[in-house]
């Protein structure tokens, strides 16, 4: 099979107490793995089984069918795991912090906008910090949608599908977003994405 479930960048229990090992087991081991399996099934015997994942996401975006949904969810989830780290949060440094201040006025304003966009996403979706030209902005996407197809450079994402937080936070998406921003977000990963252009 051309696509495989990428390893988590940390142990399933590494984000506790903020995200439980049980949530990670279901979210990574069932949901993410399920998207990988379905993508392999859909790509088998087609030209897609030799394409890079990002290529499939971009080329299938016009149809918004099962191929796009599963490929984008594989990519989005992998990006989400890397957007977090044990003992995350804190304050970014260097160029990233300068861009945040130039784009939002302060880190607190960015966090406020990120949380607001995450709460405004009705139903399933994602909230993203992206680079748009020489500025940063916060966007939200529904279902499997991704900045990969809008021309924006994603730096960080938070999954606001209920399966990302329901076992730990029930219906308290606001609490989950606040915890993501204060205790989980991986600013080093965001900075690396920025450096990668």
C-alpha atoms as a PDB file:
ATOM      1  CA  UNK A   1       0.000   0.000   0.000  1.00  0.00           C
ATOM      2  CA  UNK A   2       1.498   3.357  -0.983  1.00  0.00           C
ATOM      3  CA  UNK A   3       0.192   5.299   2.030  1.00  0.00           C
ATOM      4  CA  UNK A   4       0.920   4.405   5.639  1.00  0.00           C
ATOM      5  CA  UNK A   5      -0.056   5.840   8.995  1.00  0.00           C
ATOM      6  CA  UNK A   6       2.815   8.136   9.990  1.00  0.00           C
ATOM      7  CA  UNK A   7       4.106   7.580  13.519  1.00  0.00           C
ATOM      8  CA  UNK A   8       3.036  10.033  16.182  1.00  0.00           C
ATOM      9  CA  UNK A   9       5.806  12.467  17.144  1.00  0.00           C
ATOM     10  CA  UNK A  10       5.289  11.426  20.808  1.00  0.00           C
ATOM     11  CA  UNK A  11       3.742   8.606  22.841  1.00  0.00           C
ATOM     12  CA  UNK A  12      -0.063   8.319  22.979  1.00  0.00           C
ATOM     13  CA  UNK A  13      -0.028   9.387  26.648  1.00  0.00           C
ATOM     14  CA  UNK A  14       2.481  12.240  26.182  1.00  0.00           C
ATOM     15  CA  UNK A  15      -0.141  15.002  26.008  1.00  0.00           C
ATOM     16  CA  UNK A  16      -1.831  14.044  29.288  1.00  0.00           C
ATOM     17  CA  UNK A  17      -3.522  15.509  31.253  1.00  0.00           C
ATOM     18  CA  UNK A  18      -4.637  17.800  28.407  1.00  0.00           C
ATOM     19  CA  UNK A  19      -5.463  15.040  25.912  1.00  0.00           C
ATOM     20  CA  UNK A  20      -5.843  11.532  27.292  1.00  0.00           C
ATOM     21  CA  UNK A  21      -4.194   8.417  25.924  1.00  0.00           C
ATOM     22  CA  UNK A  22      -7.710   7.064  25.380  1.00  0.00           C
ATOM     23  CA  UNK A  23      -8.592   9.994  23.102  1.00  0.00           C
ATOM     24  CA  UNK A  24      -5.315   9.600  21.220  1.00  0.00           C
ATOM     25  CA  UNK A  25      -5.892   5.868  20.841  1.00  0.00           C
ATOM     26  CA  UNK A  26      -9.272   6.458  19.199  1.00  0.00           C
ATOM     27  CA  UNK A  27      -8.352   9.597  17.271  1.00  0.00           C
ATOM     28  CA  UNK A  28      -4.999   8.418  15.927  1.00  0.00           C
ATOM     29  CA  UNK A  29      -5.434   4.659  16.043  1.00  0.00           C
ATOM     30  CA  UNK A  30      -8.992   4.533  14.659  1.00  0.00           C
ATOM     31  CA  UNK A  31      -9.904   7.785  12.873  1.00  0.00           C
ATOM     32  CA  UNK A  32      -6.538   8.677  11.315  1.00  0.00           C
ATOM     33  CA  UNK A  33      -5.760   5.031  10.545  1.00  0.00           C
ATOM     34  CA  UNK A  34      -9.204   4.667   8.982  1.00  0.00           C
ATOM     35  CA  UNK A  35      -8.566   7.563   6.594  1.00  0.00           C
ATOM     36  CA  UNK A  36      -5.231   5.990   5.564  1.00  0.00           C
ATOM     37  CA  UNK A  37      -6.881   2.609   4.897  1.00  0.00           C
ATOM     38  CA  UNK A  38      -9.699   4.186   2.872  1.00  0.00           C
ATOM     39  CA  UNK A  39      -7.250   6.311   0.879  1.00  0.00           C
ATOM     40  CA  UNK A  40      -5.271   3.199  -0.059  1.00  0.00           C
ATOM     41  CA  UNK A  41      -8.483   1.476  -1.118  1.00  0.00           C
ATOM     42  CA  UNK A  42      -9.548   4.443  -3.284  1.00  0.00           C
ATOM     43  CA  UNK A  43      -6.103   4.982  -4.825  1.00  0.00           C
ATOM     44  CA  UNK A  44      -5.398   1.318  -5.597  1.00  0.00           C
ATOM     45  CA  UNK A  45      -4.948   0.663  -9.316  1.00  0.00           C
ATOM     46  CA  UNK A  46      -5.272   4.341 -10.231  1.00  0.00           C
ATOM     47  CA  UNK A  47      -2.598   6.929 -11.070  1.00  0.00           C
ATOM     48  CA  UNK A  48      -3.090   8.279  -7.522  1.00  0.00           C
ATOM     49  CA  UNK A  49      -1.234   5.361  -5.960  1.00  0.00           C
ATOM     50  CA  UNK A  50       2.047   6.845  -7.207  1.00  0.00           C
ATOM     51  CA  UNK A  51       1.246  10.453  -6.290  1.00  0.00           C
ATOM     52  CA  UNK A  52       2.452  12.276  -3.208  1.00  0.00           C
ATOM     53  CA  UNK A  53      -0.249  12.892  -0.612  1.00  0.00           C
ATOM     54  CA  UNK A  54      -0.215  16.683  -1.135  1.00  0.00           C
ATOM     55  CA  UNK A  55      -0.604  16.192  -4.892  1.00  0.00           C
ATOM     56  CA  UNK A  56      -3.716  14.085  -4.351  1.00  0.00           C
ATOM     57  CA  UNK A  57      -5.211  16.653  -1.983  1.00  0.00           C
ATOM     58  CA  UNK A  58      -4.695  19.427  -4.533  1.00  0.00           C
ATOM     59  CA  UNK A  59      -5.770  17.470  -7.616  1.00  0.00           C
ATOM     60  CA  UNK A  60      -8.860  15.939  -5.985  1.00  0.00           C
ATOM     61  CA  UNK A  61      -9.985  19.221  -4.411  1.00  0.00           C
ATOM     62  CA  UNK A  62     -12.204  20.121  -7.383  1.00  0.00           C
ATOM     63  CA  UNK A  63     -14.452  17.105  -6.859  1.00  0.00           C
ATOM     64  CA  UNK A  64     -14.616  17.166  -3.040  1.00  0.00           C
ATOM     65  CA  UNK A  65     -15.402  13.457  -3.196  1.00  0.00           C
ATOM     66  CA  UNK A  66     -14.188  10.508  -1.114  1.00  0.00           C
ATOM     67  CA  UNK A  67     -10.647  10.623  -2.523  1.00  0.00           C
ATOM     68  CA  UNK A  68     -10.220  14.260  -1.492  1.00  0.00           C
ATOM     69  CA  UNK A  69     -11.885  13.755   1.882  1.00  0.00           C
ATOM     70  CA  UNK A  70      -9.672  10.839   2.891  1.00  0.00           C
ATOM     71  CA  UNK A  71      -6.408  12.244   1.474  1.00  0.00           C
ATOM     72  CA  UNK A  72      -7.003  15.644   3.074  1.00  0.00           C
ATOM     73  CA  UNK A  73      -7.900  14.075   6.403  1.00  0.00           C
ATOM     74  CA  UNK A  74      -4.700  12.024   6.375  1.00  0.00           C
ATOM     75  CA  UNK A  75      -2.702  15.205   5.692  1.00  0.00           C
ATOM     76  CA  UNK A  76      -4.659  17.408   8.129  1.00  0.00           C
ATOM     77  CA  UNK A  77      -4.327  14.928  10.991  1.00  0.00           C
ATOM     78  CA  UNK A  78      -0.598  14.466  10.465  1.00  0.00           C
ATOM     79  CA  UNK A  79      -0.214  18.251  10.545  1.00  0.00           C
ATOM     80  CA  UNK A  80      -2.353  18.435  13.697  1.00  0.00           C
ATOM     81  CA  UNK A  81      -0.225  15.924  15.633  1.00  0.00           C
ATOM     82  CA  UNK A  82       2.845  18.002  14.794  1.00  0.00           C
ATOM     83  CA  UNK A  83       1.056  21.208  15.793  1.00  0.00           C
ATOM     84  CA  UNK A  84       1.142  19.944  19.389  1.00  0.00           C
ATOM     85  CA  UNK A  85       3.872  18.811  21.757  1.00  0.00           C
ATOM     86  CA  UNK A  86       4.210  17.833  25.401  1.00  0.00           C
ATOM     87  CA  UNK A  87       4.707  20.962  27.509  1.00  0.00           C
ATOM     88  CA  UNK A  88       3.606  23.099  24.566  1.00  0.00           C
ATOM     89  CA  UNK A  89       2.242  26.625  24.641  1.00  0.00           C
ATOM     90  CA  UNK A  90       4.391  29.459  25.879  1.00  0.00           C
ATOM     91  CA  UNK A  91       5.522  32.171  23.502  1.00  0.00           C
ATOM     92  CA  UNK A  92       6.969  31.850  20.000  1.00  0.00           C
ATOM     93  CA  UNK A  93      10.261  33.548  19.199  1.00  0.00           C
ATOM     94  CA  UNK A  94      12.051  35.355  16.409  1.00  0.00           C
ATOM     95  CA  UNK A  95      10.459  35.905  13.009  1.00  0.00           C
ATOM     96  CA  UNK A  96       7.266  34.073  13.985  1.00  0.00           C
ATOM     97  CA  UNK A  97       6.660  36.320  16.990  1.00  0.00           C
ATOM     98  CA  UNK A  98       7.445  39.406  14.910  1.00  0.00           C
ATOM     99  CA  UNK A  99       4.928  38.313  12.262  1.00  0.00           C
ATOM    100  CA  UNK A 100       2.302  37.585  14.915  1.00  0.00           C
ATOM    101  CA  UNK A 101       2.725  41.039  16.422  1.00  0.00           C
ATOM    102  CA  UNK A 102       2.704  42.676  12.984  1.00  0.00           C
ATOM    103  CA  UNK A 103      -0.402  40.773  11.904  1.00  0.00           C
ATOM    104  CA  UNK A 104      -2.489  40.687  15.085  1.00  0.00           C
ATOM    105  CA  UNK A 105      -0.935  43.294  17.388  1.00  0.00           C
ATOM    106  CA  UNK A 106      -0.021  40.742  20.065  1.00  0.00           C
ATOM    107  CA  UNK A 107       0.104  37.027  20.810  1.00  0.00           C
ATOM    108  CA  UNK A 108      -2.975  37.424  23.011  1.00  0.00           C
ATOM    109  CA  UNK A 109      -4.913  38.896  20.072  1.00  0.00           C
ATOM    110  CA  UNK A 110      -3.878  35.954  17.892  1.00  0.00           C
ATOM    111  CA  UNK A 111      -5.048  33.514  20.566  1.00  0.00           C
ATOM    112  CA  UNK A 112      -8.358  35.343  20.866  1.00  0.00           C
ATOM    113  CA  UNK A 113      -8.886  35.223  17.087  1.00  0.00           C
ATOM    114  CA  UNK A 114      -7.856  31.550  16.922  1.00  0.00           C
ATOM    115  CA  UNK A 115     -10.300  30.621  19.664  1.00  0.00           C
ATOM    116  CA  UNK A 116     -13.114  32.698  18.121  1.00  0.00           C
ATOM    117  CA  UNK A 117     -12.636  31.103  14.700  1.00  0.00           C
ATOM    118  CA  UNK A 118     -12.535  27.640  16.249  1.00  0.00           C
ATOM    119  CA  UNK A 119     -15.801  28.294  18.073  1.00  0.00           C
ATOM    120  CA  UNK A 120     -17.393  29.822  14.966  1.00  0.00           C
ATOM    121  CA  UNK A 121     -16.753  26.679  12.906  1.00  0.00           C
ATOM    122  CA  UNK A 122     -20.181  25.063  12.864  1.00  0.00           C
ATOM    123  CA  UNK A 123     -19.948  21.296  13.112  1.00  0.00           C
ATOM    124  CA  UNK A 124     -16.798  19.500  12.032  1.00  0.00           C
ATOM    125  CA  UNK A 125     -13.671  21.265  10.830  1.00  0.00           C
ATOM    126  CA  UNK A 126     -10.354  22.872  11.586  1.00  0.00           C
ATOM    127  CA  UNK A 127      -8.899  26.194  12.687  1.00  0.00           C
ATOM    128  CA  UNK A 128      -5.561  27.249  11.189  1.00  0.00           C
ATOM    129  CA  UNK A 129      -2.834  29.825  11.589  1.00  0.00           C
ATOM    130  CA  UNK A 130      -1.613  30.468   8.040  1.00  0.00           C
ATOM    131  CA  UNK A 131       0.728  32.765   6.189  1.00  0.00           C
ATOM    132  CA  UNK A 132      -0.990  34.805   3.508  1.00  0.00           C
ATOM    133  CA  UNK A 133       1.617  36.833   1.637  1.00  0.00           C
ATOM    134  CA  UNK A 134       3.589  38.871   4.146  1.00  0.00           C
ATOM    135  CA  UNK A 135       0.959  38.560   6.907  1.00  0.00           C
ATOM    136  CA  UNK A 136      -0.428  35.847   9.129  1.00  0.00           C
ATOM    137  CA  UNK A 137      -4.121  35.179   9.538  1.00  0.00           C
ATOM    138  CA  UNK A 138      -6.451  32.730  11.214  1.00  0.00           C
ATOM    139  CA  UNK A 139      -8.835  30.747   9.032  1.00  0.00           C
ATOM    140  CA  UNK A 140     -11.304  27.951   9.601  1.00  0.00           C
ATOM    141  CA  UNK A 141     -12.204  25.134   7.249  1.00  0.00           C
ATOM    142  CA  UNK A 142     -15.138  22.732   7.248  1.00  0.00           C
ATOM    143  CA  UNK A 143     -14.880  18.948   7.161  1.00  0.00           C
ATOM    144  CA  UNK A 144     -11.676  17.891   5.325  1.00  0.00           C
ATOM    145  CA  UNK A 145     -10.953  21.274   3.726  1.00  0.00           C
ATOM    146  CA  UNK A 146      -7.350  22.423   3.951  1.00  0.00           C
ATOM    147  CA  UNK A 147      -5.279  25.560   3.280  1.00  0.00           C
ATOM    148  CA  UNK A 148      -3.291  23.371   0.872  1.00  0.00           C
ATOM    149  CA  UNK A 149      -5.940  24.159  -1.740  1.00  0.00           C
ATOM    150  CA  UNK A 150      -6.365  27.873  -1.009  1.00  0.00           C
ATOM    151  CA  UNK A 151      -2.786  28.976  -1.574  1.00  0.00           C
ATOM    152  CA  UNK A 152      -2.135  29.744   2.097  1.00  0.00           C
ATOM    153  CA  UNK A 153       0.880  28.356   3.964  1.00  0.00           C
ATOM    154  CA  UNK A 154      -0.355  26.460   7.052  1.00  0.00           C
ATOM    155  CA  UNK A 155       1.698  26.934  10.214  1.00  0.00           C
ATOM    156  CA  UNK A 156      -0.471  25.346  12.940  1.00  0.00           C
ATOM    157  CA  UNK A 157      -3.875  23.693  13.111  1.00  0.00           C
ATOM    158  CA  UNK A 158      -6.328  22.527  15.740  1.00  0.00           C
ATOM    159  CA  UNK A 159      -8.897  19.837  14.996  1.00  0.00           C
ATOM    160  CA  UNK A 160     -12.366  20.908  16.134  1.00  0.00           C
ATOM    161  CA  UNK A 161     -14.187  17.756  15.070  1.00  0.00           C
ATOM    162  CA  UNK A 162     -15.880  16.436  18.210  1.00  0.00           C
ATOM    163  CA  UNK A 163     -13.870  13.202  18.160  1.00  0.00           C
ATOM    164  CA  UNK A 164     -10.749  15.316  18.844  1.00  0.00           C
ATOM    165  CA  UNK A 165     -11.928  16.344  22.290  1.00  0.00           C
ATOM    166  CA  UNK A 166     -15.259  14.783  23.301  1.00  0.00           C
ATOM    167  CA  UNK A 167     -13.926  12.044  25.606  1.00  0.00           C
ATOM    168  CA  UNK A 168     -11.923  14.626  27.575  1.00  0.00           C
ATOM    169  CA  UNK A 169     -13.971  17.830  27.253  1.00  0.00           C
ATOM    170  CA  UNK A 170     -17.459  16.617  26.253  1.00  0.00           C
ATOM    171  CA  UNK A 171     -19.138  19.575  24.492  1.00  0.00           C
ATOM    172  CA  UNK A 172     -16.712  22.199  25.863  1.00  0.00           C
ATOM    173  CA  UNK A 173     -14.920  23.122  22.645  1.00  0.00           C
ATOM    174  CA  UNK A 174     -13.925  26.489  24.140  1.00  0.00           C
ATOM    175  CA  UNK A 175     -12.034  24.733  26.952  1.00  0.00           C
ATOM    176  CA  UNK A 176     -10.294  22.451  24.463  1.00  0.00           C
ATOM    177  CA  UNK A 177      -9.208  25.403  22.300  1.00  0.00           C
ATOM    178  CA  UNK A 178      -7.971  27.298  25.360  1.00  0.00           C
ATOM    179  CA  UNK A 179      -5.957  24.267  26.480  1.00  0.00           C
ATOM    180  CA  UNK A 180      -4.544  23.836  22.980  1.00  0.00           C
ATOM    181  CA  UNK A 181      -3.321  27.449  22.975  1.00  0.00           C
ATOM    182  CA  UNK A 182      -1.923  27.513  26.509  1.00  0.00           C
ATOM    183  CA  UNK A 183      -0.534  23.997  26.974  1.00  0.00           C
ATOM    184  CA  UNK A 184      -0.238  22.118  23.665  1.00  0.00           C
ATOM    185  CA  UNK A 185       0.530  24.326  20.662  1.00  0.00           C
ATOM    186  CA  UNK A 186       3.957  23.664  19.157  1.00  0.00           C
ATOM    187  CA  UNK A 187       5.369  27.075  18.209  1.00  0.00           C
ATOM    188  CA  UNK A 188       8.674  25.473  17.167  1.00  0.00           C
ATOM    189  CA  UNK A 189       6.809  23.486  14.500  1.00  0.00           C
ATOM    190  CA  UNK A 190       5.054  26.670  13.325  1.00  0.00           C
ATOM    191  CA  UNK A 191       8.391  28.449  13.096  1.00  0.00           C
ATOM    192  CA  UNK A 192       9.820  25.583  11.049  1.00  0.00           C
ATOM    193  CA  UNK A 193       6.881  25.764   8.619  1.00  0.00           C
ATOM    194  CA  UNK A 194       7.500  29.474   8.256  1.00  0.00           C
ATOM    195  CA  UNK A 195      11.181  28.850   7.532  1.00  0.00           C
ATOM    196  CA  UNK A 196      10.280  26.185   4.951  1.00  0.00           C
ATOM    197  CA  UNK A 197       8.457  28.857   2.960  1.00  0.00           C
END
